[in-house]
Amino acid sequence: KASEDAVPGQFINIFSNDGSKLLPRPISICEIDKAQGT
């Protein structure tokens, strides 16, 4: 759903599925496809 409001230059936090890794990894957005929601 983050694709709905995303603009070039923003980033997302992606969280590990490993509970021992508490902090997310910030990764810049490369492409936005609002029609596909990706």
All heavy atoms as atom14 arrays in JSON, in Angstrom:
{
  "sequence": "KASEDAVPGQFINIFSNDGSKLLPRPISICEIDKAQGT",
  "atom14_mask": [
    [1, 1, 1, 1, 1, 1, 1, 1, 1, 0, 0, 0, 0, 0],
    [1, 1, 1, 1, 1, 0, 0, 0, 0, 0, 0, 0, 0, 0],
    [1, 1, 1, 1, 1, 1, 0, 0, 0, 0, 0, 0, 0, 0],
    [1, 1, 1, 1, 1, 1, 1, 1, 1, 0, 0, 0, 0, 0],
    [1, 1, 1, 1, 1, 1, 1, 1, 0, 0, 0, 0, 0, 0],
    [1, 1, 1, 1, 1, 0, 0, 0, 0, 0, 0, 0, 0, 0],
    [1, 1, 1, 1, 1, 1, 1, 0, 0, 0, 0, 0, 0, 0],
    [1, 1, 1, 1, 1, 1, 1, 0, 0, 0, 0, 0, 0, 0],
    [1, 1, 1, 1, 0, 0, 0, 0, 0, 0, 0, 0, 0, 0],
    [1, 1, 1, 1, 1, 1, 1, 1, 1, 0, 0, 0, 0, 0],
    [1, 1, 1, 1, 1, 1, 1, 1, 1, 1, 1, 0, 0, 0],
    [1, 1, 1, 1, 1, 1, 1, 1, 0, 0, 0, 0, 0, 0],
    [1, 1, 1, 1, 1, 1, 1, 1, 0, 0, 0, 0, 0, 0],
    [1, 1, 1, 1, 1, 1, 1, 1, 0, 0, 0, 0, 0, 0],
    [1, 1, 1, 1, 1, 1, 1, 1, 1, 1, 1, 0, 0, 0],
    [1, 1, 1, 1, 1, 1, 0, 0, 0, 0, 0, 0, 0, 0],
    [1, 1, 1, 1, 1, 1, 1, 1, 0, 0, 0, 0, 0, 0],
    [1, 1, 1, 1, 1, 1, 1, 1, 0, 0, 0, 0, 0, 0],
    [1, 1, 1, 1, 0, 0, 0, 0, 0, 0, 0, 0, 0, 0],
    [1, 1, 1, 1, 1, 1, 0, 0, 0, 0, 0, 0, 0, 0],
    [1, 1, 1, 1, 1, 1, 1, 1, 1, 0, 0, 0, 0, 0],
    [1, 1, 1, 1, 1, 1, 1, 1, 0, 0, 0, 0, 0, 0],
    [1, 1, 1, 1, 1, 1, 1, 1, 0, 0, 0, 0, 0, 0],
    [1, 1, 1, 1, 1, 1, 1, 0, 0, 0, 0, 0, 0, 0],
    [1, 1, 1, 1, 1, 1, 1, 1, 1, 1, 1, 0, 0, 0],
    [1, 1, 1, 1, 1, 1, 1, 0, 0, 0, 0, 0, 0, 0],
    [1, 1, 1, 1, 1, 1, 1, 1, 0, 0, 0, 0, 0, 0],
    [1, 1, 1, 1, 1, 1, 0, 0, 0, 0, 0, 0, 0, 0],
    [1, 1, 1, 1, 1, 1, 1, 1, 0, 0, 0, 0, 0, 0],
    [1, 1, 1, 1, 1, 1, 0, 0, 0, 0, 0, 0, 0, 0],
    [1, 1, 1, 1, 1, 1, 1, 1, 1, 0, 0, 0, 0, 0],
    [1, 1, 1, 1, 1, 1, 1, 1, 0, 0, 0, 0, 0, 0],
    [1, 1, 1, 1, 1, 1, 1, 1, 0, 0, 0, 0, 0, 0],
    [1, 1, 1, 1, 1, 1, 1, 1, 1, 0, 0, 0, 0, 0],
    [1, 1, 1, 1, 1, 0, 0, 0, 0, 0, 0, 0, 0, 0],
    [1, 1, 1, 1, 1, 1, 1, 1, 1, 0, 0, 0, 0, 0],
    [1, 1, 1, 1, 0, 0, 0, 0, 0, 0, 0, 0, 0, 0],
    [1, 1, 1, 1, 1, 1, 1, 0, 0, 0, 0, 0, 0, 0]
  ],
  "atom14_positions": [
    [[0.82, -1.21, 0.0], [0.0, 0.0, 0.0], [0.86, 1.26, 0.0], [0.37, 2.34, -0.34], [-0.92, 0.0, 1.22], [-2.0, -1.08, 1.18], [-2.85, -1.05, 2.45], [-3.89, -2.17, 2.44], [-4.68, -2.2, 3.71], [0.0, 0.0, 0.0], [0.0, 0.0, 0.0], [0.0, 0.0, 0.0], [0.0, 0.0, 0.0], [0.0, 0.0, 0.0]],
    [[2.12, 1.13, 0.37], [3.02, 2.28, 0.36], [3.17, 2.87, -1.04], [3.55, 4.03, -1.19], [4.39, 1.88, 0.91], [0.0, 0.0, 0.0], [0.0, 0.0, 0.0], [0.0, 0.0, 0.0], [0.0, 0.0, 0.0], [0.0, 0.0, 0.0], [0.0, 0.0, 0.0], [0.0, 0.0, 0.0], [0.0, 0.0, 0.0], [0.0, 0.0, 0.0]],
    [[2.87, 2.07, -2.06], [2.98, 2.55, -3.44], [1.97, 3.65, -3.75], [2.17, 4.46, -4.66], [2.78, 1.39, -4.42], [1.47, 0.85, -4.29], [0.0, 0.0, 0.0], [0.0, 0.0, 0.0], [0.0, 0.0, 0.0], [0.0, 0.0, 0.0], [0.0, 0.0, 0.0], [0.0, 0.0, 0.0], [0.0, 0.0, 0.0], [0.0, 0.0, 0.0]],
    [[0.87, 3.71, -2.99], [-0.21, 4.66, -3.29], [0.24, 6.1, -3.15], [-0.18, 6.97, -3.93], [-1.4, 4.39, -2.37], [-2.05, 3.02, -2.58], [-3.14, 2.73, -1.56], [-3.45, 3.64, -0.74], [-3.68, 1.6, -1.57], [0.0, 0.0, 0.0], [0.0, 0.0, 0.0], [0.0, 0.0, 0.0], [0.0, 0.0, 0.0], [0.0, 0.0, 0.0]],
    [[1.1, 6.4, -2.18], [1.51, 7.78, -1.91], [2.99, 8.04, -2.19], [3.47, 9.15, -1.97], [1.21, 8.14, -0.45], [-0.27, 8.07, -0.13], [-1.07, 8.56, -0.93], [-0.63, 7.51, 0.93], [0.0, 0.0, 0.0], [0.0, 0.0, 0.0], [0.0, 0.0, 0.0], [0.0, 0.0, 0.0], [0.0, 0.0, 0.0], [0.0, 0.0, 0.0]],
    [[3.71, 7.03, -2.64], [5.16, 7.17, -2.83], [5.49, 8.13, -3.96], [4.77, 8.23, -4.96], [5.77, 5.8, -3.11], [0.0, 0.0, 0.0], [0.0, 0.0, 0.0], [0.0, 0.0, 0.0], [0.0, 0.0, 0.0], [0.0, 0.0, 0.0], [0.0, 0.0, 0.0], [0.0, 0.0, 0.0], [0.0, 0.0, 0.0], [0.0, 0.0, 0.0]],
    [[6.6, 8.84, -3.8], [7.12, 9.75, -4.82], [8.62, 9.48, -4.98], [9.27, 8.92, -4.09], [6.87, 11.23, -4.46], [5.39, 11.52, -4.36], [7.59, 11.6, -3.17], [0.0, 0.0, 0.0], [0.0, 0.0, 0.0], [0.0, 0.0, 0.0], [0.0, 0.0, 0.0], [0.0, 0.0, 0.0], [0.0, 0.0, 0.0], [0.0, 0.0, 0.0]],
    [[9.2, 9.88, -6.13], [10.63, 9.65, -6.35], [11.48, 10.29, -5.26], [11.23, 11.43, -4.85], [10.89, 10.32, -7.7], [9.57, 10.37, -8.37], [8.57, 10.52, -7.29], [0.0, 0.0, 0.0], [0.0, 0.0, 0.0], [0.0, 0.0, 0.0], [0.0, 0.0, 0.0], [0.0, 0.0, 0.0], [0.0, 0.0, 0.0], [0.0, 0.0, 0.0]],
    [[12.47, 9.56, -4.79], [13.38, 10.07, -3.77], [13.06, 9.61, -2.36], [13.89, 9.76, -1.46], [0.0, 0.0, 0.0], [0.0, 0.0, 0.0], [0.0, 0.0, 0.0], [0.0, 0.0, 0.0], [0.0, 0.0, 0.0], [0.0, 0.0, 0.0], [0.0, 0.0, 0.0], [0.0, 0.0, 0.0], [0.0, 0.0, 0.0], [0.0, 0.0, 0.0]],
    [[11.87, 9.03, -2.15], [11.55, 8.49, -0.83], [12.16, 7.11, -0.65], [12.76, 6.55, -1.58], [10.03, 8.43, -0.66], [9.35, 9.78, -0.52], [7.87, 9.65, -0.23], [7.1, 9.09, -1.01], [7.45, 10.19, 0.9], [0.0, 0.0, 0.0], [0.0, 0.0, 0.0], [0.0, 0.0, 0.0], [0.0, 0.0, 0.0], [0.0, 0.0, 0.0]],
    [[11.99, 6.55, 0.55], [12.51, 5.22, 0.84], [11.5, 4.44, 1.67], [10.48, 4.99, 2.12], [13.86, 5.3, 1.56], [13.8, 5.9, 2.95], [13.73, 5.1, 4.08], [13.83, 7.28, 3.13], [13.68, 5.64, 5.36], [13.79, 7.84, 4.4], [13.72, 7.02, 5.52], [0.0, 0.0, 0.0], [0.0, 0.0, 0.0], [0.0, 0.0, 0.0]],
    [[11.74, 3.15, 1.82], [10.93, 2.32, 2.7], [11.85, 1.61, 3.69], [13.03, 1.4, 3.41], [10.09, 1.28, 1.93], [10.98, 0.35, 1.08], [9.04, 1.96, 1.07], [10.22, -0.8, 0.42], [0.0, 0.0, 0.0], [0.0, 0.0, 0.0], [0.0, 0.0, 0.0], [0.0, 0.0, 0.0], [0.0, 0.0, 0.0], [0.0, 0.0, 0.0]],
    [[11.3, 1.28, 4.83], [11.99, 0.42, 5.79], [11.52, -1.01, 5.57], [10.31, -1.28, 5.54], [11.66, 0.83, 7.23], [12.6, 1.89, 7.77], [13.62, 2.21, 7.15], [12.26, 2.45, 8.92], [0.0, 0.0, 0.0], [0.0, 0.0, 0.0], [0.0, 0.0, 0.0], [0.0, 0.0, 0.0], [0.0, 0.0, 0.0], [0.0, 0.0, 0.0]],
    [[12.46, -1.92, 5.41], [12.13, -3.34, 5.29], [12.67, -4.05, 6.53], [13.85, -3.9, 6.88], [12.73, -3.96, 4.02], [12.28, -3.19, 2.77], [12.32, -5.44, 3.9], [12.84, -3.75, 1.46], [0.0, 0.0, 0.0], [0.0, 0.0, 0.0], [0.0, 0.0, 0.0], [0.0, 0.0, 0.0], [0.0, 0.0, 0.0], [0.0, 0.0, 0.0]],
    [[11.81, -4.8, 7.19], [12.16, -5.46, 8.44], [12.57, -6.91, 8.17], [12.0, -7.59, 7.32], [10.99, -5.44, 9.41], [10.64, -4.06, 9.91], [9.89, -3.2, 9.12], [11.05, -3.63, 11.15], [9.56, -1.92, 9.56], [10.74, -2.35, 11.6], [9.99, -1.5, 10.81], [0.0, 0.0, 0.0], [0.0, 0.0, 0.0], [0.0, 0.0, 0.0]],
    [[13.54, -7.37, 8.94], [13.99, -8.75, 8.85], [12.92, -9.68, 9.43], [12.19, -9.33, 10.36], [15.29, -8.92, 9.63], [15.62, -10.29, 9.75], [0.0, 0.0, 0.0], [0.0, 0.0, 0.0], [0.0, 0.0, 0.0], [0.0, 0.0, 0.0], [0.0, 0.0, 0.0], [0.0, 0.0, 0.0], [0.0, 0.0, 0.0], [0.0, 0.0, 0.0]],
    [[12.83, -10.87, 8.87], [11.95, -11.9, 9.43], [12.62, -12.62, 10.6], [12.02, -13.48, 11.23], [11.55, -12.9, 8.35], [10.54, -12.3, 7.37], [9.65, -11.56, 7.76], [10.69, -12.61, 6.09], [0.0, 0.0, 0.0], [0.0, 0.0, 0.0], [0.0, 0.0, 0.0], [0.0, 0.0, 0.0], [0.0, 0.0, 0.0], [0.0, 0.0, 0.0]],
    [[13.88, -12.27, 10.86], [14.64, -12.81, 11.99], [14.42, -11.9, 13.19], [14.83, -10.73, 13.19], [16.12, -12.88, 11.62], [17.0, -13.41, 12.74], [16.5, -13.58, 13.87], [18.2, -13.64, 12.48], [0.0, 0.0, 0.0], [0.0, 0.0, 0.0], [0.0, 0.0, 0.0], [0.0, 0.0, 0.0], [0.0, 0.0, 0.0], [0.0, 0.0, 0.0]],
    [[13.75, -12.39, 14.21], [13.42, -11.59, 15.38], [14.61, -11.0, 16.11], [14.46, -10.05, 16.88], [0.0, 0.0, 0.0], [0.0, 0.0, 0.0], [0.0, 0.0, 0.0], [0.0, 0.0, 0.0], [0.0, 0.0, 0.0], [0.0, 0.0, 0.0], [0.0, 0.0, 0.0], [0.0, 0.0, 0.0], [0.0, 0.0, 0.0], [0.0, 0.0, 0.0]],
    [[15.8, -11.55, 15.9], [16.99, -11.03, 16.57], [17.49, -9.74, 15.92], [18.32, -9.03, 16.5], [18.1, -12.08, 16.57], [18.6, -12.31, 15.26], [0.0, 0.0, 0.0], [0.0, 0.0, 0.0], [0.0, 0.0, 0.0], [0.0, 0.0, 0.0], [0.0, 0.0, 0.0], [0.0, 0.0, 0.0], [0.0, 0.0, 0.0], [0.0, 0.0, 0.0]],
    [[17.04, -9.46, 14.7], [17.43, -8.23, 14.01], [16.3, -7.21, 14.17], [15.31, -7.23, 13.44], [17.7, -8.51, 12.53], [18.84, -9.5, 12.26], [19.05, -9.67, 10.76], [20.18, -10.64, 10.47], [19.76, -12.03, 10.74], [0.0, 0.0, 0.0], [0.0, 0.0, 0.0], [0.0, 0.0, 0.0], [0.0, 0.0, 0.0], [0.0, 0.0, 0.0]],
    [[16.44, -6.33, 15.14], [15.35, -5.44, 15.51], [15.2, -4.25, 14.58], [14.09, -3.79, 14.32], [15.54, -4.95, 16.95], [15.55, -6.03, 18.04], [15.79, -5.4, 19.4], [14.24, -6.82, 18.03], [0.0, 0.0, 0.0], [0.0, 0.0, 0.0], [0.0, 0.0, 0.0], [0.0, 0.0, 0.0], [0.0, 0.0, 0.0], [0.0, 0.0, 0.0]],
    [[16.31, -3.73, 14.09], [16.25, -2.51, 13.28], [15.96, -2.84, 11.82], [16.52, -3.78, 11.26], [17.56, -1.74, 13.38], [17.91, -1.16, 14.74], [19.26, -0.47, 14.68], [16.83, -0.19, 15.22], [0.0, 0.0, 0.0], [0.0, 0.0, 0.0], [0.0, 0.0, 0.0], [0.0, 0.0, 0.0], [0.0, 0.0, 0.0], [0.0, 0.0, 0.0]],
    [[15.1, -2.04, 11.19], [14.81, -2.25, 9.77], [15.96, -1.75, 8.9], [16.83, -1.01, 9.38], [13.55, -1.42, 9.55], [13.69, -0.3, 10.53], [14.34, -0.91, 11.75], [0.0, 0.0, 0.0], [0.0, 0.0, 0.0], [0.0, 0.0, 0.0], [0.0, 0.0, 0.0], [0.0, 0.0, 0.0], [0.0, 0.0, 0.0], [0.0, 0.0, 0.0]],
    [[15.91, -2.11, 7.64], [16.89, -1.62, 6.67], [16.2, -0.61, 5.76], [15.22, -0.96, 5.09], [17.48, -2.76, 5.82], [18.69, -3.46, 6.42], [18.45, -4.0, 7.8], [19.64, -4.71, 8.34], [19.68, -5.25, 9.54], [18.64, -5.16, 10.35], [20.77, -5.87, 9.96], [0.0, 0.0, 0.0], [0.0, 0.0, 0.0], [0.0, 0.0, 0.0]],
    [[16.69, 0.65, 5.74], [16.09, 1.65, 4.84], [16.64, 1.47, 3.43], [17.85, 1.41, 3.22], [16.57, 2.97, 5.45], [17.86, 2.63, 6.12], [17.77, 1.2, 6.58], [0.0, 0.0, 0.0], [0.0, 0.0, 0.0], [0.0, 0.0, 0.0], [0.0, 0.0, 0.0], [0.0, 0.0, 0.0], [0.0, 0.0, 0.0], [0.0, 0.0, 0.0]],
    [[15.75, 1.37, 2.45], [16.16, 1.18, 1.06], [15.38, 2.14, 0.18], [14.15, 2.24, 0.26], [15.94, -0.27, 0.6], [16.69, -1.25, 1.52], [16.4, -0.44, -0.85], [16.53, -2.71, 1.14], [0.0, 0.0, 0.0], [0.0, 0.0, 0.0], [0.0, 0.0, 0.0], [0.0, 0.0, 0.0], [0.0, 0.0, 0.0], [0.0, 0.0, 0.0]],
    [[16.09, 2.85, -0.68], [15.47, 3.84, -1.55], [14.55, 3.18, -2.57], [14.8, 2.06, -3.03], [16.55, 4.64, -2.29], [17.35, 5.36, -1.39], [0.0, 0.0, 0.0], [0.0, 0.0, 0.0], [0.0, 0.0, 0.0], [0.0, 0.0, 0.0], [0.0, 0.0, 0.0], [0.0, 0.0, 0.0], [0.0, 0.0, 0.0], [0.0, 0.0, 0.0]],
    [[13.52, 3.92, -2.92], [12.57, 3.44, -3.93], [13.16, 3.67, -5.32], [13.6, 4.77, -5.65], [11.23, 4.17, -3.79], [10.57, 3.82, -2.45], [10.29, 3.82, -4.95], [9.38, 4.68, -2.11], [0.0, 0.0, 0.0], [0.0, 0.0, 0.0], [0.0, 0.0, 0.0], [0.0, 0.0, 0.0], [0.0, 0.0, 0.0], [0.0, 0.0, 0.0]],
    [[13.15, 2.62, -6.12], [13.67, 2.69, -7.49], [12.57, 2.96, -8.5], [12.73, 3.8, -9.39], [14.39, 1.38, -7.82], [14.98, 1.24, -9.52], [0.0, 0.0, 0.0], [0.0, 0.0, 0.0], [0.0, 0.0, 0.0], [0.0, 0.0, 0.0], [0.0, 0.0, 0.0], [0.0, 0.0, 0.0], [0.0, 0.0, 0.0], [0.0, 0.0, 0.0]],
    [[11.45, 2.24, -8.39], [10.32, 2.44, -9.29], [9.01, 2.34, -8.53], [8.91, 1.61, -7.54], [10.33, 1.42, -10.43], [11.43, 1.65, -11.46], [11.29, 0.72, -12.66], [11.7, -0.46, -12.53], [10.79, 1.16, -13.7], [0.0, 0.0, 0.0], [0.0, 0.0, 0.0], [0.0, 0.0, 0.0], [0.0, 0.0, 0.0], [0.0, 0.0, 0.0]],
    [[8.01, 3.06, -9.03], [6.68, 3.08, -8.42], [5.67, 2.71, -9.49], [5.65, 3.32, -10.57], [6.34, 4.49, -7.87], [7.39, 4.95, -6.85], [4.94, 4.51, -7.26], [7.34, 6.44, -6.56], [0.0, 0.0, 0.0], [0.0, 0.0, 0.0], [0.0, 0.0, 0.0], [0.0, 0.0, 0.0], [0.0, 0.0, 0.0], [0.0, 0.0, 0.0]],
    [[4.84, 1.72, -9.22], [3.76, 1.35, -10.14], [2.45, 1.43, -9.36], [2.05, 0.48, -8.7], [3.99, -0.05, -10.7], [3.02, -0.39, -11.84], [1.89, 0.15, -11.84], [3.39, -1.19, -12.73], [0.0, 0.0, 0.0], [0.0, 0.0, 0.0], [0.0, 0.0, 0.0], [0.0, 0.0, 0.0], [0.0, 0.0, 0.0], [0.0, 0.0, 0.0]],
    [[1.81, 2.58, -9.44], [0.58, 2.78, -8.68], [-0.55, 1.9, -9.22], [-1.41, 1.45, -8.45], [0.19, 4.25, -8.71], [1.19, 5.16, -7.97], [0.7, 6.59, -7.93], [1.77, 7.51, -7.34], [2.06, 7.23, -5.93], [0.0, 0.0, 0.0], [0.0, 0.0, 0.0], [0.0, 0.0, 0.0], [0.0, 0.0, 0.0], [0.0, 0.0, 0.0]],
    [[-0.57, 1.65, -10.52], [-1.62, 0.82, -11.11], [-1.55, -0.61, -10.59], [-2.58, -1.23, -10.3], [-1.52, 0.85, -12.63], [0.0, 0.0, 0.0], [0.0, 0.0, 0.0], [0.0, 0.0, 0.0], [0.0, 0.0, 0.0], [0.0, 0.0, 0.0], [0.0, 0.0, 0.0], [0.0, 0.0, 0.0], [0.0, 0.0, 0.0], [0.0, 0.0, 0.0]],
    [[-0.34, -1.13, -10.47], [-0.15, -2.5, -9.98], [-0.03, -2.57, -8.46], [-0.05, -3.65, -7.88], [1.1, -3.13, -10.62], [1.02, -3.29, -12.13], [-0.08, -4.25, -12.55], [-0.29, -5.29, -11.93], [-0.81, -3.88, -13.6], [0.0, 0.0, 0.0], [0.0, 0.0, 0.0], [0.0, 0.0, 0.0], [0.0, 0.0, 0.0], [0.0, 0.0, 0.0]],
    [[0.12, -1.4, -7.82], [0.27, -1.38, -6.37], [1.59, -1.94, -5.9], [1.65, -2.61, -4.86], [0.0, 0.0, 0.0], [0.0, 0.0, 0.0], [0.0, 0.0, 0.0], [0.0, 0.0, 0.0], [0.0, 0.0, 0.0], [0.0, 0.0, 0.0], [0.0, 0.0, 0.0], [0.0, 0.0, 0.0], [0.0, 0.0, 0.0], [0.0, 0.0, 0.0]],
    [[2.68, -1.62, -6.63], [3.99, -2.17, -6.29], [5.06, -1.09, -6.21], [4.95, -0.03, -6.84], [4.45, -3.22, -7.32], [4.56, -2.61, -8.61], [3.48, -4.39, -7.38], [0.0, 0.0, 0.0], [0.0, 0.0, 0.0], [0.0, 0.0, 0.0], [0.0, 0.0, 0.0], [0.0, 0.0, 0.0], [0.0, 0.0, 0.0], [0.0, 0.0, 0.0]]
  ]
}
